[in-house]
Protein backbone atom coordinates (compact mmCIF):
# COMPACT_ATOMS: atom_id res chain seq x y z
CA UNK A 1 -128.33 149.50 -136.27
CA UNK A 2 -125.86 152.00 -137.71
CA UNK A 3 -126.08 155.62 -136.66
CA UNK A 4 -127.68 157.82 -139.24
CA UNK A 5 -125.69 160.77 -140.48
CA UNK A 6 -126.32 164.36 -139.48
CA UNK A 7 -125.05 167.29 -141.50
CA UNK A 8 -123.05 170.39 -140.79
CA UNK A 9 -123.48 173.33 -143.14
CA UNK A 10 -120.44 175.59 -143.23
CA UNK A 11 -120.58 179.11 -144.70
CA UNK A 12 -117.32 180.96 -145.24
CA UNK A 13 -117.99 184.47 -143.94
CA UNK A 14 -115.20 185.95 -146.05
CA UNK A 15 -116.31 184.39 -149.34
CA UNK A 16 -120.12 184.61 -149.06
CA UNK A 17 -121.26 187.85 -150.75
CA UNK A 18 -125.06 187.87 -151.37
CA UNK A 19 -124.88 191.42 -152.75
CA UNK A 20 -122.59 190.28 -155.58
CA UNK A 21 -124.44 187.14 -156.69
CA UNK A 22 -127.93 186.07 -157.75
CA UNK A 23 -128.52 183.84 -154.71
CA UNK A 24 -127.94 180.74 -156.83
CA UNK A 25 -127.78 178.57 -153.72
CA UNK A 26 -131.36 179.35 -152.72
CA UNK A 27 -132.78 179.19 -156.25
CA UNK A 28 -131.25 175.77 -156.97
CA UNK A 29 -132.07 174.12 -153.61
CA UNK A 30 -134.69 171.34 -154.12
CA UNK A 31 -135.88 171.70 -150.50
CA UNK A 32 -136.59 175.42 -151.03
CA UNK A 33 -138.52 174.56 -154.21
CA UNK A 34 -140.74 172.33 -152.08
CA UNK A 35 -141.67 175.39 -150.02
CA UNK A 36 -139.42 174.79 -147.00
CA UNK A 37 -137.02 177.41 -145.62
CA UNK A 38 -133.83 175.39 -145.99
CA UNK A 39 -131.78 178.33 -147.31
CA UNK A 40 -132.57 181.92 -146.38
CA UNK A 41 -130.81 184.77 -148.17
CA UNK A 42 -131.67 188.05 -149.88
CA UNK A 43 -129.55 190.56 -151.82
CA UNK A 44 -129.50 192.67 -148.64
CA UNK A 45 -128.28 189.82 -146.40
CA UNK A 46 -124.77 189.86 -145.01
CA UNK A 47 -124.47 186.10 -145.24
CA UNK A 48 -126.55 183.07 -146.21
CA UNK A 49 -128.23 180.89 -143.55
CA UNK A 50 -128.70 177.14 -144.07
CA UNK A 51 -130.97 174.94 -141.95
CA UNK A 52 -128.97 171.85 -141.07
CA UNK A 53 -132.09 169.94 -139.99
CA UNK A 54 -133.83 170.47 -143.37
CA UNK A 55 -130.75 170.00 -145.58
CA UNK A 56 -130.78 166.71 -147.51
CA UNK A 57 -127.10 166.87 -148.45
CA UNK A 58 -127.60 166.97 -152.23
CA UNK A 59 -124.64 169.31 -152.69
CA UNK A 60 -126.29 171.40 -155.43
CA UNK A 61 -125.82 174.67 -153.53
CA UNK A 62 -122.10 173.93 -153.19
CA UNK A 63 -121.71 173.59 -156.96
CA UNK A 64 -123.89 176.60 -157.78
CA UNK A 65 -122.22 179.08 -155.39
CA UNK A 66 -120.01 181.33 -157.59
CA UNK A 67 -117.66 182.13 -154.71
CA UNK A 68 -117.21 178.60 -153.35
CA UNK A 69 -118.39 179.74 -149.93
CA UNK A 70 -120.53 176.72 -148.99
CA UNK A 71 -119.72 173.20 -147.84
CA UNK A 72 -121.91 170.43 -146.44
CA UNK A 73 -120.19 167.85 -144.22
CA UNK A 74 -121.70 164.58 -142.98
CA UNK A 75 -120.83 163.30 -139.51
CA UNK A 76 -122.15 160.47 -137.32
CA UNK A 77 -125.19 161.44 -135.27
CA UNK A 78 -123.65 160.07 -132.07
CA UNK A 79 -121.39 163.14 -132.07
CA UNK A 80 -124.39 165.48 -131.97
CA UNK A 81 -124.74 164.96 -128.21
CA UNK A 82 -121.02 165.53 -127.63
CA UNK A 83 -120.74 169.06 -129.04
CA UNK A 84 -118.50 171.18 -126.84
CA UNK A 85 -118.49 174.50 -128.66
CA UNK A 86 -119.76 176.22 -131.78
CA UNK A 87 -119.06 179.85 -132.59
CA UNK A 88 -122.23 180.66 -134.55
CA UNK A 89 -124.68 179.22 -137.07
CA UNK A 90 -123.10 177.40 -140.03
CA UNK A 91 -119.63 177.56 -138.49
CA UNK A 92 -116.99 175.28 -136.97
CA UNK A 93 -118.00 172.71 -134.32
CA UNK A 94 -115.74 171.14 -131.71
CA UNK A 95 -116.74 167.78 -130.24
CA UNK A 96 -115.35 166.67 -126.86
CA UNK A 97 -112.34 168.11 -125.05
CA UNK A 98 -108.86 166.85 -124.16
CA UNK A 99 -108.55 165.73 -120.54
CA UNK A 100 -105.39 167.12 -118.90
CA UNK A 101 -103.81 165.42 -115.90
CA UNK A 102 -101.69 167.07 -113.19
CA UNK A 103 -98.01 166.18 -113.21
CA UNK A 104 -98.05 165.05 -116.85
CA UNK A 105 -97.68 166.64 -120.28
CA UNK A 106 -100.67 166.29 -122.60
CA UNK A 107 -99.84 166.45 -126.30
CA UNK A 108 -102.39 167.44 -128.94
CA UNK A 109 -101.84 166.45 -132.56
CA UNK A 110 -104.01 167.03 -135.62
CA UNK A 111 -104.18 168.91 -138.90
CA UNK A 112 -104.56 172.68 -139.06
CA UNK A 113 -108.06 174.10 -138.60
CA UNK A 114 -109.27 171.10 -136.61
CA UNK A 115 -109.86 172.86 -133.25
CA UNK A 116 -106.62 172.51 -131.27
CA UNK A 117 -106.33 176.23 -130.47
CA UNK A 118 -110.06 176.38 -129.66
CA UNK A 119 -109.61 173.52 -127.18
CA UNK A 120 -106.70 175.40 -125.57
CA UNK A 121 -108.81 178.54 -125.16
CA UNK A 122 -111.58 176.57 -123.46
CA UNK A 123 -109.20 174.71 -121.13
CA UNK A 124 -107.49 178.00 -120.27
CA UNK A 125 -110.80 179.54 -119.24
CA UNK A 126 -110.57 182.20 -121.95
CA UNK A 127 -113.46 180.74 -123.97
CA UNK A 128 -116.69 179.58 -122.32
CA UNK A 129 -117.96 176.38 -123.97
CA UNK A 130 -121.54 176.79 -125.20
CA UNK A 131 -122.19 173.07 -125.85
CA UNK A 132 -123.32 173.99 -129.38
CA UNK A 133 -126.03 176.38 -128.14
CA UNK A 134 -124.61 179.58 -129.59
CA UNK A 135 -128.04 181.27 -129.65
CA UNK A 136 -128.81 180.35 -126.02
CA UNK A 137 -125.49 179.79 -124.21
CA UNK A 138 -125.69 177.69 -121.04
CA UNK A 139 -124.51 178.99 -117.67
CA UNK A 140 -121.59 177.41 -115.85
CA UNK A 141 -123.86 175.25 -113.71
CA UNK A 142 -125.25 173.56 -116.83
CA UNK A 143 -121.73 173.16 -118.22
CA UNK A 144 -120.51 171.50 -115.01
CA UNK A 145 -123.57 169.24 -115.06
CA UNK A 146 -122.76 168.26 -118.67
CA UNK A 147 -119.22 167.21 -117.65
CA UNK A 148 -120.45 165.53 -114.46
CA UNK A 149 -118.55 162.36 -113.61
CA UNK A 150 -115.49 163.24 -115.70
CA UNK A 151 -112.15 164.77 -114.75
CA UNK A 152 -113.18 167.93 -116.60
CA UNK A 153 -115.84 168.68 -113.96
CA UNK A 154 -113.21 169.11 -111.24
CA UNK A 155 -110.94 170.93 -113.69
CA UNK A 156 -113.52 173.58 -114.63
CA UNK A 157 -114.66 173.89 -111.00
CA UNK A 158 -111.12 174.82 -109.97
CA UNK A 159 -110.88 177.36 -112.81
CA UNK A 160 -114.17 178.97 -111.74
CA UNK A 161 -113.01 179.18 -108.14
CA UNK A 162 -109.78 180.86 -109.32
CA UNK A 163 -107.74 177.99 -107.93
CA UNK A 164 -106.04 177.52 -111.30
CA UNK A 165 -104.14 180.18 -113.26
CA UNK A 166 -103.52 179.44 -116.93
CA UNK A 167 -100.85 180.92 -119.21
CA UNK A 168 -100.89 180.32 -122.97
CA UNK A 169 -98.00 180.71 -125.39
CA UNK A 170 -99.65 182.04 -128.55
CA UNK A 171 -99.42 180.21 -131.85
CA UNK A 172 -98.51 183.20 -134.04
CA UNK A 173 -95.34 184.57 -132.46
CA UNK A 174 -94.77 186.86 -135.46
CA UNK A 175 -97.64 189.01 -134.12
CA UNK A 176 -95.89 189.63 -130.78
CA UNK A 177 -93.91 192.75 -131.89
CA UNK A 178 -97.21 194.45 -132.79
CA UNK A 179 -98.43 194.31 -129.18
CA UNK A 180 -95.26 194.10 -127.07
CA UNK A 181 -92.73 196.92 -126.99
CA UNK A 182 -89.43 197.16 -125.15
CA UNK A 183 -86.26 195.16 -124.71
CA UNK A 184 -86.17 191.42 -124.08
CA UNK A 185 -84.55 191.86 -120.67
CA UNK A 186 -87.03 194.46 -119.40
CA UNK A 187 -90.05 192.35 -120.39
CA UNK A 188 -88.62 189.19 -118.85
CA UNK A 189 -87.83 191.06 -115.62
CA UNK A 190 -91.39 192.39 -115.49
CA UNK A 191 -92.92 188.93 -116.01
CA UNK A 192 -90.53 186.97 -113.77
CA UNK A 193 -92.54 185.59 -110.83
CA UNK A 194 -90.23 182.71 -109.99
CA UNK A 195 -86.74 184.31 -110.18
CA UNK A 196 -85.74 181.79 -112.85
CA UNK A 197 -85.24 184.04 -115.86
CA UNK A 198 -81.45 183.64 -115.76
CA UNK A 199 -81.72 179.84 -115.90
CA UNK A 200 -84.44 179.87 -118.57
CA UNK A 201 -82.54 182.38 -120.72
CA UNK A 202 -79.46 180.16 -120.57
CA UNK A 203 -81.50 177.09 -121.53
CA UNK A 204 -83.14 178.86 -124.50
CA UNK A 205 -80.04 180.79 -125.68
CA UNK A 206 -81.55 184.20 -124.90
CA UNK A 207 -78.81 185.60 -122.67
CA UNK A 208 -77.10 187.51 -125.50
CA UNK A 209 -80.44 188.99 -126.65
CA UNK A 210 -81.50 190.69 -123.42
CA UNK A 211 -80.62 194.18 -124.67
CA UNK A 212 -82.30 193.74 -128.05
CA UNK A 213 -85.77 195.17 -128.74
CA UNK A 214 -88.60 192.71 -129.36
CA UNK A 215 -89.36 194.18 -132.80
CA UNK A 216 -85.79 193.35 -133.89
CA UNK A 217 -86.03 189.63 -133.09
CA UNK A 218 -86.18 186.98 -135.80
CA UNK A 219 -88.84 184.27 -135.96
CA UNK A 220 -86.82 181.72 -134.00
CA UNK A 221 -85.78 184.31 -131.41
CA UNK A 222 -89.42 185.39 -130.98
CA UNK A 223 -90.42 181.76 -130.43
CA UNK A 224 -87.80 181.25 -127.73
CA UNK A 225 -88.71 184.59 -126.14
CA UNK A 226 -92.41 183.62 -126.03
CA UNK A 227 -91.58 180.26 -124.43
CA UNK A 228 -89.36 181.99 -121.87
CA UNK A 229 -92.08 184.50 -120.91
CA UNK A 230 -94.45 181.60 -120.17
CA UNK A 231 -91.89 179.48 -118.29
CA UNK A 232 -90.80 182.20 -115.82
CA UNK A 233 -94.33 182.99 -114.62
CA UNK A 234 -96.10 181.38 -111.70
CA UNK A 235 -99.11 179.38 -112.90
CA UNK A 236 -100.97 176.11 -112.50
CA UNK A 237 -101.68 175.49 -116.20
CA UNK A 238 -99.03 175.97 -118.90
CA UNK A 239 -100.13 175.79 -122.53
CA UNK A 240 -97.78 175.89 -125.51
CA UNK A 241 -99.31 176.29 -128.98
CA UNK A 242 -96.74 175.00 -131.50
CA UNK A 243 -93.56 175.77 -129.50
CA UNK A 244 -91.17 174.37 -132.14
CA UNK A 245 -92.16 176.60 -135.08
CA UNK A 246 -89.24 178.62 -136.51
CA UNK A 247 -86.75 176.62 -134.38
CA UNK A 248 -83.98 174.40 -135.71
CA UNK A 249 -83.39 170.86 -134.44
CA UNK A 250 -81.03 171.88 -131.64
CA UNK A 251 -83.29 174.65 -130.41
CA UNK A 252 -86.38 172.40 -130.54
CA UNK A 253 -84.68 169.95 -128.21
CA UNK A 254 -83.70 172.74 -125.80
CA UNK A 255 -87.25 174.14 -125.83
CA UNK A 256 -88.62 170.65 -125.12
CA UNK A 257 -86.22 170.18 -122.20
CA UNK A 258 -87.25 173.57 -120.77
CA UNK A 259 -90.96 172.71 -121.03
CA UNK A 260 -90.40 169.31 -119.38
CA UNK A 261 -88.60 171.06 -116.50
CA UNK A 262 -91.90 172.75 -115.54
CA UNK A 263 -93.47 169.45 -114.45
CA UNK A 264 -94.60 169.30 -110.82
CA UNK A 265 -97.21 167.00 -109.21
CA UNK A 266 -99.88 169.73 -109.24
CA UNK A 267 -99.23 171.44 -112.60
CA UNK A 268 -101.09 170.88 -115.87
CA UNK A 269 -99.02 171.18 -119.07
CA UNK A 270 -100.64 171.02 -122.52
CA UNK A 271 -98.68 171.19 -125.78
CA UNK A 272 -99.96 171.50 -129.36
CA UNK A 273 -97.29 170.21 -131.71
CA UNK A 274 -96.95 169.10 -135.35
CA UNK A 275 -93.37 167.81 -135.12
CA UNK A 276 -93.91 164.18 -134.16
CA UNK A 277 -90.37 163.70 -132.85
CA UNK A 278 -90.73 166.69 -130.50
CA UNK A 279 -94.21 165.50 -129.53
CA UNK A 280 -92.82 162.05 -128.74
CA UNK A 281 -90.14 163.54 -126.47
CA UNK A 282 -92.41 166.08 -124.77
CA UNK A 283 -95.61 164.18 -124.06
CA UNK A 284 -96.64 161.66 -121.43
CA UNK A 285 -99.92 160.95 -123.24
CA UNK A 286 -101.59 162.18 -126.44
CA UNK A 287 -105.04 163.16 -127.69
CA UNK A 288 -105.54 163.08 -131.48
CA UNK A 289 -107.93 165.44 -133.23
CA UNK A 290 -109.65 164.46 -136.47
CA UNK A 291 -112.46 165.79 -138.63
CA UNK A 292 -112.76 168.22 -141.52
CA UNK A 293 -110.67 171.42 -141.30
CA UNK A 294 -112.78 174.53 -140.69
CA UNK A 295 -115.93 172.34 -140.45
CA UNK A 296 -115.71 170.17 -137.36
CA UNK A 297 -113.14 168.58 -135.07
CA UNK A 298 -113.34 165.59 -132.74
CA UNK A 299 -111.02 164.89 -129.80
CA UNK A 300 -110.14 161.26 -129.11
CA UNK A 301 -109.65 159.72 -125.69
CA UNK A 302 -106.09 159.93 -124.26
CA UNK A 303 -103.59 157.38 -125.57
CA UNK A 304 -100.02 156.53 -124.72
CA UNK A 305 -97.44 158.46 -126.74
CA UNK A 306 -96.54 155.60 -129.07
CA UNK A 307 -100.14 154.52 -129.60
CA UNK A 308 -101.35 158.10 -130.15
CA UNK A 309 -98.72 158.86 -132.79
CA UNK A 310 -99.39 155.56 -134.57
CA UNK A 311 -103.15 156.30 -134.58
CA UNK A 312 -102.49 159.71 -136.14
CA UNK A 313 -100.21 158.23 -138.81
CA UNK A 314 -102.50 155.29 -139.54
CA UNK A 315 -105.66 157.42 -139.69
CA UNK A 316 -107.66 154.87 -137.71
CA UNK A 317 -109.01 155.05 -134.12
CA UNK A 318 -109.39 151.45 -132.88
CA UNK A 319 -111.39 152.36 -129.75
CA UNK A 320 -114.07 153.97 -131.93
CA UNK A 321 -113.64 151.65 -134.93
CA UNK A 322 -113.41 154.77 -137.07
CA UNK A 323 -111.16 155.67 -139.99
CA UNK A 324 -110.68 159.42 -140.34
CA UNK A 325 -108.18 159.30 -143.22
CA UNK A 326 -108.42 157.15 -146.34
CA UNK A 327 -104.70 156.44 -146.53
CA UNK A 328 -102.03 155.97 -143.89
CA UNK A 329 -99.03 158.27 -143.69
CA UNK A 330 -96.04 156.11 -144.60
CA UNK A 331 -92.49 157.46 -144.79
CA UNK A 332 -90.51 155.72 -147.52
CA UNK A 333 -86.81 156.17 -148.17
CA UNK A 334 -86.21 157.41 -151.71
CA UNK A 335 -84.07 155.25 -153.94
CA UNK A 336 -80.89 156.77 -155.31
CA UNK A 337 -80.89 157.64 -158.97
CA UNK A 338 -79.12 155.36 -161.43
CA UNK A 339 -75.87 156.50 -162.99
CA UNK A 340 -77.48 156.55 -166.44
CA UNK A 341 -80.16 158.95 -165.21
CA UNK A 342 -77.61 161.26 -163.55
CA UNK A 343 -75.74 161.68 -166.84
CA UNK A 344 -78.82 163.23 -168.42
CA UNK A 345 -79.28 165.85 -165.68
CA UNK A 346 -78.28 169.46 -166.19
CA UNK A 347 -75.83 170.89 -163.66
CA UNK A 348 -75.58 174.47 -162.43
CA UNK A 349 -72.55 175.88 -160.66
CA UNK A 350 -72.15 178.85 -158.33
CA UNK A 351 -68.78 180.46 -157.51
CA UNK A 352 -67.12 181.30 -154.21
CA UNK A 353 -68.89 184.32 -152.68
CA UNK A 354 -68.80 186.56 -149.61
CA UNK A 355 -71.72 188.56 -148.20
CA UNK A 356 -71.57 190.89 -145.19
CA UNK A 357 -74.71 192.17 -143.49
CA UNK A 358 -73.91 194.32 -140.46
CA UNK A 359 -71.80 192.25 -138.08
CA UNK A 360 -72.67 189.01 -139.86
CA UNK A 361 -70.40 187.67 -142.61
CA UNK A 362 -71.24 184.70 -144.83
CA UNK A 363 -68.53 182.88 -146.77
CA UNK A 364 -69.75 180.51 -149.48
CA UNK A 365 -67.53 177.88 -151.06
CA UNK A 366 -68.10 177.05 -154.74
CA UNK A 367 -70.59 174.29 -155.41
CA UNK A 368 -73.16 172.94 -157.81
CA UNK A 369 -76.70 171.64 -158.00
CA UNK A 370 -78.76 169.95 -160.69
CA UNK A 371 -82.36 169.66 -161.76
CA UNK A 372 -84.60 166.66 -161.03
CA UNK A 373 -83.41 166.43 -157.44
CA UNK A 374 -84.19 167.96 -154.05
CA UNK A 375 -81.34 169.40 -152.00
CA UNK A 376 -81.72 170.23 -148.30
CA UNK A 377 -79.71 172.84 -146.41
CA UNK A 378 -79.33 171.99 -142.74
CA UNK A 379 -77.97 174.36 -140.11
CA UNK A 380 -78.78 176.38 -137.03
CA UNK A 381 -80.83 179.55 -137.18
CA UNK A 382 -78.78 182.64 -137.94
CA UNK A 383 -76.03 180.85 -139.88
CA UNK A 384 -76.94 182.32 -143.28
CA UNK A 385 -79.24 179.78 -144.97
CA UNK A 386 -81.81 182.39 -145.97
CA UNK A 387 -79.08 184.78 -147.13
CA UNK A 388 -77.57 182.05 -149.30
CA UNK A 389 -80.96 181.19 -150.83
CA UNK A 390 -81.65 184.86 -151.58
CA UNK A 391 -78.27 185.14 -153.31
CA UNK A 392 -79.03 182.12 -155.49
CA UNK A 393 -82.45 183.60 -156.30
CA UNK A 394 -80.88 186.91 -157.31
CA UNK A 395 -82.37 188.87 -154.43
CA UNK A 396 -78.96 189.73 -152.96
CA UNK A 397 -75.69 190.52 -154.69
CA UNK A 398 -72.39 189.14 -153.35
CA UNK A 399 -69.78 191.69 -152.30
CA UNK A 400 -66.90 189.65 -153.63
CA UNK A 401 -66.48 186.55 -155.73
CA UNK A 402 -68.03 185.49 -159.01
CA UNK A 403 -71.51 186.04 -160.38
CA UNK A 404 -74.42 183.70 -159.72
CA UNK A 405 -75.82 182.14 -162.93
CA UNK A 406 -79.07 183.78 -164.06
CA UNK A 407 -81.93 181.31 -163.69
CA UNK A 408 -85.71 181.43 -163.63
CA UNK A 409 -86.31 181.09 -159.88
CA UNK A 410 -89.54 180.70 -157.90
CA UNK A 411 -88.71 181.74 -154.33
CA UNK A 412 -90.87 181.13 -151.24
CA UNK A 413 -89.66 183.45 -148.42
CA UNK A 414 -89.30 182.35 -144.80
CA UNK A 415 -91.72 184.92 -143.37
CA UNK A 416 -94.88 186.04 -145.15
CA UNK A 417 -95.82 189.74 -145.20
CA UNK A 418 -99.13 189.89 -147.09
CA UNK A 419 -99.56 193.07 -149.13
CA UNK A 420 -102.07 191.85 -151.72
CA UNK A 421 -105.22 189.79 -151.90
CA UNK A 422 -104.92 186.22 -153.21
CA UNK A 423 -107.18 187.06 -156.18
CA UNK A 424 -105.01 190.00 -157.32
CA UNK A 425 -101.79 187.99 -156.99
CA UNK A 426 -103.28 185.10 -159.01
CA UNK A 427 -104.52 187.46 -161.73
CA UNK A 428 -101.10 189.10 -162.00
CA UNK A 429 -99.20 185.79 -162.02
CA UNK A 430 -101.50 184.07 -164.52
CA UNK A 431 -101.56 187.02 -166.92
CA UNK A 432 -97.77 187.35 -166.68
CA UNK A 433 -97.27 183.63 -167.36
CA UNK A 434 -99.66 183.33 -170.30
């Protein structure tokens, strides 16, 4: 007999505004019209509450909500008993946990918002799993009883007895300058427990940056600095949340080699990574995470590296006979355009240019590009790719050479510094366009 479906009701706390609507979700709910308290909300409420046990999954409230704050997600009922953590009512649920092994690197792969960072927090001992009972959290004895018979029971027991020290490299390295002040060298010296900062700095190309302040580092330099701070400390559990972000191909390989050098028979190493080539090199085994972003996430059992990556690409877990993605991810090589098609393309040329910014000088040879094609610039960080793009977009003027042709350019910057709300930007852009 097939498992019946249970439902998760997700309410976006940022979008739900009962004071600015007419509570359309409650008025249109057929279960509420029958006299049952499926949806509870008043104009004075901060947020709507939905009873997942009474919800019939009709989806009317989703369509009626003027702010698009509601979503109802079906999931198999056999996962209901495997809930590891839930933050609050009508919020994200994480089912199961990855199982780390000493002396090996565990890789985690999955889409954004699926629970990878939440799993890291729990395994690091920074987040106590509530087994889905957010209103009545269990004590550690109940949690250990829940994981009885698995490797996680011994793992959490060691964390509780302070036998394991965990260090986590944060995901958002661009936030580091807001909390860390001082030079790179002084911070590394303060954190160095193993007297290996010289070796690690050489491996991660940080030796020439020791005198520079943290707030002056670029994205790639911040990533390497964050990895170095973790690697030079004495710990039993090392966790790296997306260590290859902002890094070029050469630096990603060096970071992977540095992380692999931490392996000892009694150390746990866990890596969250989206770059499948880096994940393949780094990991000894892989856990895939699937589900619905911001709704629920499920952790699979550990697989070998090749099998785990193939499962993620295929979207099918054979051990559970479950397909979590309708289509497989297939990488096809694009066919070259025919000569007849190339003749019809419009070509744009840019002249020889020179741009100097401080001690850095960029020399650009003349070249051309055309529409109806995608061109890729490949090079190490700090070699002028962003500067060149900004010059083509008209954001920077060359100091010598010819003028860049004036074009209508839509430019996505490397780093995002939000200064507006999404709604205000959309209103401005749409009104300007039409």
